[in-house]
Amino acid sequence: MRVRNNVVTEVEGDNTVWPRMKPFLDAIGDPNVYRLPAHFGVAGNANALLSPAHIEWERVRGGVVIGIGDNYNLSKYMGIKLPENLVTKAKFHWDCQMLNISMYLDYKLVVKEGERLV
């Protein structure tokens, strides 16, 4: 996933879902559907199941999930307090799930091939 100024500009690595999802998102006509992060998590549950039938896939060890688009409902209906400048109202919310990635924060390697280093 490539991000510029907190906006998703490109998604790589998925030749099945993304080519169908991108035209859908574009057709919504709301640039905030590409705004992030709505939520962000580095998973670590070795017992979580990678199953499309349940939200548990967001917790699979070695996974990272990034929520994109609307997070207004998180703050309003779920009681999660977000600073006003981080609330994004959008016509859609979607997640990008990545497995066994390496991730840098402030140029420091914090996840290597899905395992947290810090």
PDB file of N, CA and C in Angstrom:
ATOM      1  N   MET A   1       0.851  -1.165   0.000  1.00  0.00           N
ATOM      2  CA  MET A   1       0.000   0.000   0.000  1.00  0.00           C
ATOM      3  C   MET A   1       0.899   1.230   0.000  1.00  0.00           C
ATOM      4  N   ARG A   2       0.644   2.109  -0.919  1.00  0.00           N
ATOM      5  CA  ARG A   2       1.385   3.372  -0.972  1.00  0.00           C
ATOM      6  C   ARG A   2       0.467   4.483  -0.475  1.00  0.00           C
ATOM      7  N   VAL A   3       1.038   5.312   0.403  1.00  0.00           N
ATOM      8  CA  VAL A   3       0.263   6.374   1.038  1.00  0.00           C
ATOM      9  C   VAL A   3       1.016   7.683   0.882  1.00  0.00           C
ATOM     10  N   ARG A   4       0.300   8.729   0.513  1.00  0.00           N
ATOM     11  CA  ARG A   4       0.882  10.059   0.429  1.00  0.00           C
ATOM     12  C   ARG A   4      -0.076  11.027   1.114  1.00  0.00           C
ATOM     13  N   ASN A   5       0.424  11.774   2.103  1.00  0.00           N
ATOM     14  CA  ASN A   5      -0.401  12.735   2.853  1.00  0.00           C
ATOM     15  C   ASN A   5      -1.658  12.098   3.431  1.00  0.00           C
ATOM     16  N   ASN A   6      -1.500  10.911   4.017  1.00  0.00           N
ATOM     17  CA  ASN A   6      -2.594  10.166   4.655  1.00  0.00           C
ATOM     18  C   ASN A   6      -3.687   9.735   3.690  1.00  0.00           C
ATOM     19  N   VAL A   7      -3.351   9.590   2.414  1.00  0.00           N
ATOM     20  CA  VAL A   7      -4.316   9.149   1.416  1.00  0.00           C
ATOM     21  C   VAL A   7      -3.704   7.971   0.643  1.00  0.00           C
ATOM     22  N   VAL A   8      -4.454   6.870   0.527  1.00  0.00           N
ATOM     23  CA  VAL A   8      -3.996   5.714  -0.231  1.00  0.00           C
ATOM     24  C   VAL A   8      -3.950   6.091  -1.708  1.00  0.00           C
ATOM     25  N   THR A   9      -2.787   5.884  -2.328  1.00  0.00           N
ATOM     26  CA  THR A   9      -2.646   6.205  -3.744  1.00  0.00           C
ATOM     27  C   THR A   9      -2.525   4.954  -4.604  1.00  0.00           C
ATOM     28  N   GLU A  10      -2.160   3.809  -3.987  1.00  0.00           N
ATOM     29  CA  GLU A  10      -1.958   2.589  -4.769  1.00  0.00           C
ATOM     30  C   GLU A  10      -1.948   1.390  -3.824  1.00  0.00           C
ATOM     31  N   VAL A  11      -2.435   0.262  -4.306  1.00  0.00           N
ATOM     32  CA  VAL A  11      -2.366  -0.994  -3.556  1.00  0.00           C
ATOM     33  C   VAL A  11      -1.741  -2.030  -4.470  1.00  0.00           C
ATOM     34  N   GLU A  12      -0.746  -2.747  -3.954  1.00  0.00           N
ATOM     35  CA  GLU A  12      -0.066  -3.782  -4.722  1.00  0.00           C
ATOM     36  C   GLU A  12      -0.224  -5.121  -4.029  1.00  0.00           C
ATOM     37  N   GLY A  13       0.015  -6.195  -4.756  1.00  0.00           N
ATOM     38  CA  GLY A  13       0.059  -7.514  -4.157  1.00  0.00           C
ATOM     39  C   GLY A  13      -1.254  -8.271  -4.207  1.00  0.00           C
ATOM     40  N   ASP A  14      -2.332  -7.639  -4.611  1.00  0.00           N
ATOM     41  CA  ASP A  14      -3.614  -8.316  -4.698  1.00  0.00           C
ATOM     42  C   ASP A  14      -4.144  -8.152  -6.111  1.00  0.00           C
ATOM     43  N   ASN A  15      -4.053  -9.211  -6.903  1.00  0.00           N
ATOM     44  CA  ASN A  15      -4.499  -9.145  -8.291  1.00  0.00           C
ATOM     45  C   ASN A  15      -5.946  -9.595  -8.462  1.00  0.00           C
ATOM     46  N   THR A  16      -6.613  -9.918  -7.354  1.00  0.00           N
ATOM     47  CA  THR A  16      -7.985 -10.397  -7.428  1.00  0.00           C
ATOM     48  C   THR A  16      -8.981  -9.349  -6.952  1.00  0.00           C
ATOM     49  N   VAL A  17      -8.823  -8.878  -5.717  1.00  0.00           N
ATOM     50  CA  VAL A  17      -9.806  -7.978  -5.122  1.00  0.00           C
ATOM     51  C   VAL A  17      -9.596  -6.528  -5.554  1.00  0.00           C
ATOM     52  N   TRP A  18      -8.367  -6.026  -5.492  1.00  0.00           N
ATOM     53  CA  TRP A  18      -8.117  -4.607  -5.737  1.00  0.00           C
ATOM     54  C   TRP A  18      -8.573  -4.130  -7.119  1.00  0.00           C
ATOM     55  N   PRO A  19      -8.320  -4.864  -8.205  1.00  0.00           N
ATOM     56  CA  PRO A  19      -8.790  -4.384  -9.506  1.00  0.00           C
ATOM     57  C   PRO A  19     -10.313  -4.223  -9.586  1.00  0.00           C
ATOM     58  N   ARG A  20     -11.060  -4.933  -8.758  1.00  0.00           N
ATOM     59  CA  ARG A  20     -12.518  -4.761  -8.721  1.00  0.00           C
ATOM     60  C   ARG A  20     -12.934  -3.707  -7.707  1.00  0.00           C
ATOM     61  N   MET A  21     -12.164  -3.574  -6.629  1.00  0.00           N
ATOM     62  CA  MET A  21     -12.531  -2.637  -5.569  1.00  0.00           C
ATOM     63  C   MET A  21     -12.235  -1.193  -5.954  1.00  0.00           C
ATOM     64  N   LYS A  22     -11.132  -0.955  -6.628  1.00  0.00           N
ATOM     65  CA  LYS A  22     -10.752   0.416  -6.995  1.00  0.00           C
ATOM     66  C   LYS A  22     -11.837   1.117  -7.813  1.00  0.00           C
ATOM     67  N   PRO A  23     -12.385   0.517  -8.871  1.00  0.00           N
ATOM     68  CA  PRO A  23     -13.476   1.185  -9.597  1.00  0.00           C
ATOM     69  C   PRO A  23     -14.713   1.422  -8.726  1.00  0.00           C
ATOM     70  N   PHE A  24     -14.993   0.492  -7.810  1.00  0.00           N
ATOM     71  CA  PHE A  24     -16.115   0.666  -6.884  1.00  0.00           C
ATOM     72  C   PHE A  24     -15.894   1.894  -6.008  1.00  0.00           C
ATOM     73  N   LEU A  25     -14.700   2.014  -5.417  1.00  0.00           N
ATOM     74  CA  LEU A  25     -14.387   3.148  -4.553  1.00  0.00           C
ATOM     75  C   LEU A  25     -14.408   4.458  -5.332  1.00  0.00           C
ATOM     76  N   ASP A  26     -13.858   4.449  -6.536  1.00  0.00           N
ATOM     77  CA  ASP A  26     -13.866   5.660  -7.364  1.00  0.00           C
ATOM     78  C   ASP A  26     -15.294   6.099  -7.684  1.00  0.00           C
ATOM     79  N   ALA A  27     -16.171   5.131  -7.921  1.00  0.00           N
ATOM     80  CA  ALA A  27     -17.559   5.445  -8.289  1.00  0.00           C
ATOM     81  C   ALA A  27     -18.335   6.076  -7.133  1.00  0.00           C
ATOM     82  N   ILE A  28     -17.890   5.867  -5.912  1.00  0.00           N
ATOM     83  CA  ILE A  28     -18.558   6.472  -4.756  1.00  0.00           C
ATOM     84  C   ILE A  28     -18.464   7.993  -4.834  1.00  0.00           C
ATOM     85  N   GLY A  29     -17.374   8.491  -5.401  1.00  0.00           N
ATOM     86  CA  GLY A  29     -17.227   9.933  -5.587  1.00  0.00           C
ATOM     87  C   GLY A  29     -16.884  10.703  -4.329  1.00  0.00           C
ATOM     88  N   ASP A  30     -16.268  10.042  -3.368  1.00  0.00           N
ATOM     89  CA  ASP A  30     -15.891  10.683  -2.105  1.00  0.00           C
ATOM     90  C   ASP A  30     -14.402  10.439  -1.879  1.00  0.00           C
ATOM     91  N   PRO A  31     -13.551  11.469  -1.990  1.00  0.00           N
ATOM     92  CA  PRO A  31     -12.113  11.262  -1.812  1.00  0.00           C
ATOM     93  C   PRO A  31     -11.738  10.743  -0.426  1.00  0.00           C
ATOM     94  N   ASN A  32     -12.607  10.936   0.556  1.00  0.00           N
ATOM     95  CA  ASN A  32     -12.304  10.458   1.908  1.00  0.00           C
ATOM     96  C   ASN A  32     -12.338   8.937   2.038  1.00  0.00           C
ATOM     97  N   VAL A  33     -12.839   8.210   1.039  1.00  0.00           N
ATOM     98  CA  VAL A  33     -12.798   6.748   1.114  1.00  0.00           C
ATOM     99  C   VAL A  33     -11.368   6.231   0.998  1.00  0.00           C
ATOM    100  N   TYR A  34     -10.435   7.103   0.616  1.00  0.00           N
ATOM    101  CA  TYR A  34      -9.020   6.734   0.538  1.00  0.00           C
ATOM    102  C   TYR A  34      -8.200   7.310   1.698  1.00  0.00           C
ATOM    103  N   ARG A  35      -8.851   7.965   2.644  1.00  0.00           N
ATOM    104  CA  ARG A  35      -8.155   8.632   3.748  1.00  0.00           C
ATOM    105  C   ARG A  35      -7.886   7.645   4.878  1.00  0.00           C
ATOM    106  N   LEU A  36      -6.749   7.767   5.508  1.00  0.00           N
ATOM    107  CA  LEU A  36      -6.414   6.888   6.610  1.00  0.00           C
ATOM    108  C   LEU A  36      -5.601   7.614   7.655  1.00  0.00           C
ATOM    109  N   PRO A  37      -5.387   7.023   8.826  1.00  0.00           N
ATOM    110  CA  PRO A  37      -5.937   5.731   9.217  1.00  0.00           C
ATOM    111  C   PRO A  37      -7.269   5.890   9.940  1.00  0.00           C
ATOM    112  N   ALA A  38      -8.213   5.031   9.640  1.00  0.00           N
ATOM    113  CA  ALA A  38      -9.428   4.950  10.441  1.00  0.00           C
ATOM    114  C   ALA A  38      -9.110   4.146  11.690  1.00  0.00           C
ATOM    115  N   HIS A  39      -8.341   3.082  11.501  1.00  0.00           N
ATOM    116  CA  HIS A  39      -7.786   2.306  12.620  1.00  0.00           C
ATOM    117  C   HIS A  39      -6.570   1.558  12.097  1.00  0.00           C
ATOM    118  N   PHE A  40      -5.735   1.117  13.026  1.00  0.00           N
ATOM    119  CA  PHE A  40      -4.479   0.473  12.664  1.00  0.00           C
ATOM    120  C   PHE A  40      -4.142  -0.536  13.752  1.00  0.00           C
ATOM    121  N   GLY A  41      -3.747  -1.736  13.367  1.00  0.00           N
ATOM    122  CA  GLY A  41      -3.393  -2.723  14.372  1.00  0.00           C
ATOM    123  C   GLY A  41      -2.336  -3.687  13.886  1.00  0.00           C
ATOM    124  N   VAL A  42      -1.410  -4.017  14.785  1.00  0.00           N
ATOM    125  CA  VAL A  42      -0.432  -5.062  14.543  1.00  0.00           C
ATOM    126  C   VAL A  42      -0.879  -6.238  15.388  1.00  0.00           C
ATOM    127  N   ALA A  43      -1.234  -7.332  14.732  1.00  0.00           N
ATOM    128  CA  ALA A  43      -1.822  -8.480  15.424  1.00  0.00           C
ATOM    129  C   ALA A  43      -0.751  -9.374  16.027  1.00  0.00           C
ATOM    130  N   GLY A  44      -1.136 -10.112  17.047  1.00  0.00           N
ATOM    131  CA  GLY A  44      -0.176 -10.991  17.702  1.00  0.00           C
ATOM    132  C   GLY A  44      -0.788 -12.225  18.321  1.00  0.00           C
ATOM    133  N   ASN A  45      -2.041 -12.532  18.001  1.00  0.00           N
ATOM    134  CA  ASN A  45      -2.716 -13.665  18.620  1.00  0.00           C
ATOM    135  C   ASN A  45      -2.410 -14.945  17.849  1.00  0.00           C
ATOM    136  N   ALA A  46      -1.593 -15.816  18.443  1.00  0.00           N
ATOM    137  CA  ALA A  46      -1.203 -17.065  17.789  1.00  0.00           C
ATOM    138  C   ALA A  46      -2.385 -18.017  17.641  1.00  0.00           C
ATOM    139  N   ASN A  47      -3.459 -17.814  18.396  1.00  0.00           N
ATOM    140  CA  ASN A  47      -4.617 -18.702  18.333  1.00  0.00           C
ATOM    141  C   ASN A  47      -5.740 -18.181  17.443  1.00  0.00           C
ATOM    142  N   ALA A  48      -5.597 -16.979  16.913  1.00  0.00           N
ATOM    143  CA  ALA A  48      -6.639 -16.418  16.040  1.00  0.00           C
ATOM    144  C   ALA A  48      -6.656 -17.168  14.715  1.00  0.00           C
ATOM    145  N   LEU A  49      -7.848 -17.286  14.146  1.00  0.00           N
ATOM    146  CA  LEU A  49      -8.021 -18.025  12.899  1.00  0.00           C
ATOM    147  C   LEU A  49      -8.125 -17.071  11.713  1.00  0.00           C
ATOM    148  N   LEU A  50      -7.476 -17.430  10.637  1.00  0.00           N
ATOM    149  CA  LEU A  50      -7.567 -16.670   9.405  1.00  0.00           C
ATOM    150  C   LEU A  50      -8.801 -17.162   8.665  1.00  0.00           C
ATOM    151  N   SER A  51      -9.928 -16.535   8.958  1.00  0.00           N
ATOM    152  CA  SER A  51     -11.205 -16.978   8.419  1.00  0.00           C
ATOM    153  C   SER A  51     -11.979 -15.784   7.888  1.00  0.00           C
ATOM    154  N   PRO A  52     -12.529 -15.893   6.677  1.00  0.00           N
ATOM    155  CA  PRO A  52     -13.313 -14.777   6.140  1.00  0.00           C
ATOM    156  C   PRO A  52     -14.672 -14.631   6.824  1.00  0.00           C
ATOM    157  N   ALA A  53     -15.036 -15.574   7.657  1.00  0.00           N
ATOM    158  CA  ALA A  53     -16.356 -15.580   8.271  1.00  0.00           C
ATOM    159  C   ALA A  53     -16.428 -14.766   9.560  1.00  0.00           C
ATOM    160  N   HIS A  54     -15.310 -14.271  10.049  1.00  0.00           N
ATOM    161  CA  HIS A  54     -15.322 -13.605  11.350  1.00  0.00           C
ATOM    162  C   HIS A  54     -14.260 -12.524  11.412  1.00  0.00           C
ATOM    163  N   ILE A  55     -14.480 -11.521  12.211  1.00  0.00           N
ATOM    164  CA  ILE A  55     -13.552 -10.397  12.380  1.00  0.00           C
ATOM    165  C   ILE A  55     -12.230 -10.833  13.023  1.00  0.00           C
ATOM    166  N   GLU A  56     -12.165 -12.065  13.475  1.00  0.00           N
ATOM    167  CA  GLU A  56     -10.966 -12.586  14.127  1.00  0.00           C
ATOM    168  C   GLU A  56      -9.727 -12.504  13.230  1.00  0.00           C
ATOM    169  N   TRP A  57      -9.907 -12.469  11.915  1.00  0.00           N
ATOM    170  CA  TRP A  57      -8.759 -12.418  11.005  1.00  0.00           C
ATOM    171  C   TRP A  57      -7.913 -11.176  11.231  1.00  0.00           C
ATOM    172  N   GLU A  58      -8.488 -10.131  11.833  1.00  0.00           N
ATOM    173  CA  GLU A  58      -7.711  -8.923  12.117  1.00  0.00           C
ATOM    174  C   GLU A  58      -6.705  -9.141  13.241  1.00  0.00           C
ATOM    175  N   ARG A  59      -6.797 -10.264  13.936  1.00  0.00           N
ATOM    176  CA  ARG A  59      -5.917 -10.515  15.078  1.00  0.00           C
ATOM    177  C   ARG A  59      -4.914 -11.641  14.845  1.00  0.00           C
ATOM    178  N   VAL A  60      -4.871 -12.186  13.634  1.00  0.00           N
ATOM    179  CA  VAL A  60      -3.982 -13.300  13.325  1.00  0.00           C
ATOM    180  C   VAL A  60      -2.533 -12.879  13.489  1.00  0.00           C
ATOM    181  N   ARG A  61      -1.782 -13.700  14.215  1.00  0.00           N
ATOM    182  CA  ARG A  61      -0.368 -13.389  14.442  1.00  0.00           C
ATOM    183  C   ARG A  61       0.353 -13.221  13.112  1.00  0.00           C
ATOM    184  N   GLY A  62       1.146 -12.172  13.025  1.00  0.00           N
ATOM    185  CA  GLY A  62       1.883 -11.865  11.805  1.00  0.00           C
ATOM    186  C   GLY A  62       1.123 -10.932  10.883  1.00  0.00           C
ATOM    187  N   GLY A  63      -0.081 -10.530  11.307  1.00  0.00           N
ATOM    188  CA  GLY A  63      -0.903  -9.674  10.457  1.00  0.00           C
ATOM    189  C   GLY A  63      -0.882  -8.213  10.884  1.00  0.00           C
ATOM    190  N   VAL A  64      -1.115  -7.362   9.917  1.00  0.00           N
ATOM    191  CA  VAL A  64      -1.303  -5.938  10.152  1.00  0.00           C
ATOM    192  C   VAL A  64      -2.581  -5.552   9.422  1.00  0.00           C
ATOM    193  N   VAL A  65      -3.447  -4.815  10.095  1.00  0.00           N
ATOM    194  CA  VAL A  65      -4.674  -4.354   9.455  1.00  0.00           C
ATOM    195  C   VAL A  65      -4.730  -2.833   9.531  1.00  0.00           C
ATOM    196  N   ILE A  66      -5.076  -2.216   8.401  1.00  0.00           N
ATOM    197  CA  ILE A  66      -5.229  -0.774   8.345  1.00  0.00           C
ATOM    198  C   ILE A  66      -6.638  -0.488   7.840  1.00  0.00           C
ATOM    199  N   GLY A  67      -7.406   0.242   8.644  1.00  0.00           N
ATOM    200  CA  GLY A  67      -8.742   0.652   8.245  1.00  0.00           C
ATOM    201  C   GLY A  67      -8.673   1.981   7.521  1.00  0.00           C
ATOM    202  N   ILE A  68      -9.405   2.081   6.418  1.00  0.00           N
ATOM    203  CA  ILE A  68      -9.356   3.261   5.572  1.00  0.00           C
ATOM    204  C   ILE A  68     -10.769   3.795   5.377  1.00  0.00           C
ATOM    205  N   GLY A  69     -10.889   5.102   5.285  1.00  0.00           N
ATOM    206  CA  GLY A  69     -12.193   5.719   5.048  1.00  0.00           C
ATOM    207  C   GLY A  69     -12.858   6.153   6.335  1.00  0.00           C
ATOM    208  N   ASP A  70     -14.147   5.916   6.426  1.00  0.00           N
ATOM    209  CA  ASP A  70     -14.948   6.422   7.537  1.00  0.00           C
ATOM    210  C   ASP A  70     -14.500   5.869   8.891  1.00  0.00           C
ATOM    211  N   ASN A  71     -14.263   6.747   9.848  1.00  0.00           N
ATOM    212  CA  ASN A  71     -14.057   6.329  11.235  1.00  0.00           C
ATOM    213  C   ASN A  71     -14.975   7.115  12.168  1.00  0.00           C
ATOM    214  N   TYR A  72     -15.887   7.888  11.600  1.00  0.00           N
ATOM    215  CA  TYR A  72     -16.834   8.682  12.378  1.00  0.00           C
ATOM    216  C   TYR A  72     -17.675   7.781  13.285  1.00  0.00           C
ATOM    217  N   ASN A  73     -18.087   6.621  12.755  1.00  0.00           N
ATOM    218  CA  ASN A  73     -18.909   5.709  13.557  1.00  0.00           C
ATOM    219  C   ASN A  73     -18.153   5.142  14.749  1.00  0.00           C
ATOM    220  N   LEU A  74     -16.828   4.952  14.602  1.00  0.00           N
ATOM    221  CA  LEU A  74     -16.036   4.498  15.746  1.00  0.00           C
ATOM    222  C   LEU A  74     -16.137   5.495  16.890  1.00  0.00           C
ATOM    223  N   SER A  75     -16.033   6.766  16.544  1.00  0.00           N
ATOM    224  CA  SER A  75     -16.026   7.788  17.587  1.00  0.00           C
ATOM    225  C   SER A  75     -17.426   8.067  18.121  1.00  0.00           C
ATOM    226  N   LYS A  76     -18.428   8.035  17.262  1.00  0.00           N
ATOM    227  CA  LYS A  76     -19.774   8.406  17.700  1.00  0.00           C
ATOM    228  C   LYS A  76     -20.522   7.248  18.360  1.00  0.00           C
ATOM    229  N   TYR A  77     -20.523   6.086  17.724  1.00  0.00           N
ATOM    230  CA  TYR A  77     -21.377   4.995  18.184  1.00  0.00           C
ATOM    231  C   TYR A  77     -20.674   3.948  19.028  1.00  0.00           C
ATOM    232  N   MET A  78     -19.356   3.865  18.940  1.00  0.00           N
ATOM    233  CA  MET A  78     -18.636   2.857  19.691  1.00  0.00           C
ATOM    234  C   MET A  78     -17.943   3.429  20.918  1.00  0.00           C
ATOM    235  N   GLY A  79     -18.060   4.715  21.122  1.00  0.00           N
ATOM    236  CA  GLY A  79     -17.508   5.324  22.322  1.00  0.00           C
ATOM    237  C   GLY A  79     -16.011   5.521  22.307  1.00  0.00           C
ATOM    238  N   ILE A  80     -15.371   5.358  21.166  1.00  0.00           N
ATOM    239  CA  ILE A  80     -13.932   5.568  21.061  1.00  0.00           C
ATOM    240  C   ILE A  80     -13.688   7.060  20.846  1.00  0.00           C
ATOM    241  N   LYS A  81     -12.946   7.673  21.743  1.00  0.00           N
ATOM    242  CA  LYS A  81     -12.702   9.117  21.662  1.00  0.00           C
ATOM    243  C   LYS A  81     -11.528   9.395  20.736  1.00  0.00           C
ATOM    244  N   LEU A  82     -11.808  10.080  19.646  1.00  0.00           N
ATOM    245  CA  LEU A  82     -10.768  10.491  18.711  1.00  0.00           C
ATOM    246  C   LEU A  82     -10.662  12.005  18.726  1.00  0.00           C
ATOM    247  N   PRO A  83      -9.446  12.539  18.621  1.00  0.00           N
ATOM    248  CA  PRO A  83      -9.319  13.985  18.463  1.00  0.00           C
ATOM    249  C   PRO A  83     -10.065  14.414  17.204  1.00  0.00           C
ATOM    250  N   GLU A  84     -10.722  15.545  17.258  1.00  0.00           N
ATOM    251  CA  GLU A  84     -11.561  16.009  16.147  1.00  0.00           C
ATOM    252  C   GLU A  84     -10.812  16.038  14.817  1.00  0.00           C
ATOM    253  N   ASN A  85      -9.516  16.375  14.849  1.00  0.00           N
ATOM    254  CA  ASN A  85      -8.761  16.449  13.592  1.00  0.00           C
ATOM    255  C   ASN A  85      -8.463  15.074  12.988  1.00  0.00           C
ATOM    256  N   LEU A  86      -8.745  14.000  13.730  1.00  0.00           N
ATOM    257  CA  LEU A  86      -8.532  12.651  13.211  1.00  0.00           C
ATOM    258  C   LEU A  86      -9.822  11.962  12.785  1.00  0.00           C
ATOM    259  N   VAL A  87     -10.950  12.619  12.971  1.00  0.00           N
ATOM    260  CA  VAL A  87     -12.229  12.032  12.579  1.00  0.00           C
ATOM    261  C   VAL A  87     -12.438  12.264  11.087  1.00  0.00           C
ATOM    262  N   THR A  88     -12.702  11.183  10.370  1.00  0.00           N
ATOM    263  CA  THR A  88     -12.968  11.263   8.934  1.00  0.00           C
ATOM    264  C   THR A  88     -14.365  10.747   8.664  1.00  0.00           C
ATOM    265  N   LYS A  89     -15.178  11.581   8.053  1.00  0.00           N
ATOM    266  CA  LYS A  89     -16.497  11.149   7.593  1.00  0.00           C
ATOM    267  C   LYS A  89     -16.351  10.782   6.124  1.00  0.00           C
ATOM    268  N   ALA A  90     -16.722   9.564   5.801  1.00  0.00           N
ATOM    269  CA  ALA A  90     -16.646   9.100   4.422  1.00  0.00           C
ATOM    270  C   ALA A  90     -17.861   8.227   4.138  1.00  0.00           C
ATOM    271  N   LYS A  91     -18.119   7.985   2.878  1.00  0.00           N
ATOM    272  CA  LYS A  91     -19.270   7.179   2.489  1.00  0.00           C
ATOM    273  C   LYS A  91     -18.987   5.687   2.522  1.00  0.00           C
ATOM    274  N   PHE A  92     -17.756   5.317   2.962  1.00  0.00           N
ATOM    275  CA  PHE A  92     -17.400   3.901   2.965  1.00  0.00           C
ATOM    276  C   PHE A  92     -16.219   3.689   3.909  1.00  0.00           C
ATOM    277  N   HIS A  93     -16.106   2.474   4.423  1.00  0.00           N
ATOM    278  CA  HIS A  93     -14.970   2.067   5.246  1.00  0.00           C
ATOM    279  C   HIS A  93     -14.487   0.724   4.710  1.00  0.00           C
ATOM    280  N   TRP A  94     -13.171   0.571   4.592  1.00  0.00           N
ATOM    281  CA  TRP A  94     -12.621  -0.708   4.157  1.00  0.00           C
ATOM    282  C   TRP A  94     -11.315  -0.973   4.883  1.00  0.00           C
ATOM    283  N   ASP A  95     -10.918  -2.235   4.924  1.00  0.00           N
ATOM    284  CA  ASP A  95      -9.700  -2.656   5.607  1.00  0.00           C
ATOM    285  C   ASP A  95      -8.719  -3.252   4.607  1.00  0.00           C
ATOM    286  N   CYS A  96      -7.453  -3.032   4.879  1.00  0.00           N
ATOM    287  CA  CYS A  96      -6.385  -3.675   4.126  1.00  0.00           C
ATOM    288  C   CYS A  96      -5.656  -4.578   5.113  1.00  0.00           C
ATOM    289  N   GLN A  97      -5.724  -5.878   4.888  1.00  0.00           N
ATOM    290  CA  GLN A  97      -5.075  -6.865   5.753  1.00  0.00           C
ATOM    291  C   GLN A  97      -3.812  -7.346   5.063  1.00  0.00           C
ATOM    292  N   MET A  98      -2.694  -7.294   5.773  1.00  0.00           N
ATOM    293  CA  MET A  98      -1.421  -7.747   5.229  1.00  0.00           C
ATOM    294  C   MET A  98      -0.819  -8.765   6.180  1.00  0.00           C
ATOM    295  N   LEU A  99      -0.238  -9.807   5.632  1.00  0.00           N
ATOM    296  CA  LEU A  99       0.363 -10.860   6.443  1.00  0.00           C
ATOM    297  C   LEU A  99       1.870 -10.905   6.220  1.00  0.00           C
ATOM    298  N   ASN A 100       2.592 -11.139   7.308  1.00  0.00           N
ATOM    299  CA  ASN A 100       4.041 -11.347   7.273  1.00  0.00           C
ATOM    300  C   ASN A 100       4.808 -10.225   6.586  1.00  0.00           C
ATOM    301  N   ILE A 101       4.431  -8.988   6.902  1.00  0.00           N
ATOM    302  CA  ILE A 101       5.114  -7.846   6.303  1.00  0.00           C
ATOM    303  C   ILE A 101       6.228  -7.348   7.215  1.00  0.00           C
ATOM    304  N   SER A 102       7.073  -6.506   6.669  1.00  0.00           N
ATOM    305  CA  SER A 102       8.035  -5.752   7.466  1.00  0.00           C
ATOM    306  C   SER A 102       7.577  -4.300   7.450  1.00  0.00           C
ATOM    307  N   MET A 103       7.674  -3.635   8.604  1.00  0.00           N
ATOM    308  CA  MET A 103       7.157  -2.273   8.719  1.00  0.00           C
ATOM    309  C   MET A 103       8.140  -1.408   9.486  1.00  0.00           C
ATOM    310  N   TYR A 104       8.309  -0.200   8.982  1.00  0.00           N
ATOM    311  CA  TYR A 104       9.161   0.786   9.625  1.00  0.00           C
ATOM    312  C   TYR A 104       8.299   1.929  10.142  1.00  0.00           C
ATOM    313  N   LEU A 105       8.605   2.418  11.321  1.00  0.00           N
ATOM    314  CA  LEU A 105       8.007   3.633  11.864  1.00  0.00           C
ATOM    315  C   LEU A 105       9.136   4.581  12.198  1.00  0.00           C
ATOM    316  N   ASP A 106       9.055   5.781  11.658  1.00  0.00           N
ATOM    317  CA  ASP A 106      10.123   6.762  11.842  1.00  0.00           C
ATOM    318  C   ASP A 106      11.484   6.151  11.517  1.00  0.00           C
ATOM    319  N   TYR A 107      11.545   5.420  10.415  1.00  0.00           N
ATOM    320  CA  TYR A 107      12.765   4.816   9.890  1.00  0.00           C
ATOM    321  C   TYR A 107      13.345   3.716  10.776  1.00  0.00           C
ATOM    322  N   LYS A 108      12.570   3.237  11.743  1.00  0.00           N
ATOM    323  CA  LYS A 108      13.032   2.157  12.620  1.00  0.00           C
ATOM    324  C   LYS A 108      12.208   0.908  12.327  1.00  0.00           C
ATOM    325  N   LEU A 109      12.882  -0.230  12.098  1.00  0.00           N
ATOM    326  CA  LEU A 109      12.198  -1.481  11.836  1.00  0.00           C
ATOM    327  C   LEU A 109      11.492  -1.948  13.105  1.00  0.00           C
ATOM    328  N   VAL A 110      10.150  -2.034  13.065  1.00  0.00           N
ATOM    329  CA  VAL A 110       9.377  -2.412  14.241  1.00  0.00           C
ATOM    330  C   VAL A 110       8.655  -3.749  14.064  1.00  0.00           C
ATOM    331  N   VAL A 111       8.459  -4.177  12.815  1.00  0.00           N
ATOM    332  CA  VAL A 111       7.879  -5.485  12.516  1.00  0.00           C
ATOM    333  C   VAL A 111       8.698  -6.082  11.383  1.00  0.00           C
ATOM    334  N   LYS A 112       9.197  -7.303  11.594  1.00  0.00           N
ATOM    335  CA  LYS A 112      10.001  -7.969  10.566  1.00  0.00           C
ATOM    336  C   LYS A 112       9.326  -9.278  10.206  1.00  0.00           C
ATOM    337  N   GLU A 113       8.889  -9.373   8.954  1.00  0.00           N
ATOM    338  CA  GLU A 113       8.222 -10.568   8.430  1.00  0.00           C
ATOM    339  C   GLU A 113       7.107 -11.037   9.364  1.00  0.00           C
ATOM    340  N   GLY A 114       6.334 -10.084   9.865  1.00  0.00           N
ATOM    341  CA  GLY A 114       5.166 -10.377  10.683  1.00  0.00           C
ATOM    342  C   GLY A 114       5.423 -10.490  12.174  1.00  0.00           C
ATOM    343  N   GLU A 115       6.656 -10.439  12.605  1.00  0.00           N
ATOM    344  CA  GLU A 115       6.976 -10.556  14.039  1.00  0.00           C
ATOM    345  C   GLU A 115       7.351  -9.186  14.593  1.00  0.00           C
ATOM    346  N   ARG A 116       6.678  -8.794  15.676  1.00  0.00           N
ATOM    347  CA  ARG A 116       6.997  -7.502  16.308  1.00  0.00           C
ATOM    348  C   ARG A 116       8.371  -7.536  16.949  1.00  0.00           C
ATOM    349  N   LEU A 117       9.123  -6.474  16.759  1.00  0.00           N
ATOM    350  CA  LEU A 117      10.451  -6.356  17.344  1.00  0.00           C
ATOM    351  C   LEU A 117      10.442  -5.480  18.589  1.00  0.00           C
ATOM    352  N   VAL A 118       9.429  -4.665  18.750  1.00  0.00           N
ATOM    353  CA  VAL A 118       9.326  -3.792  19.929  1.00  0.00           C
ATOM    354  C   VAL A 118       8.004  -4.020  20.631  1.00  0.00           C
TER     355      VAL A 118
END
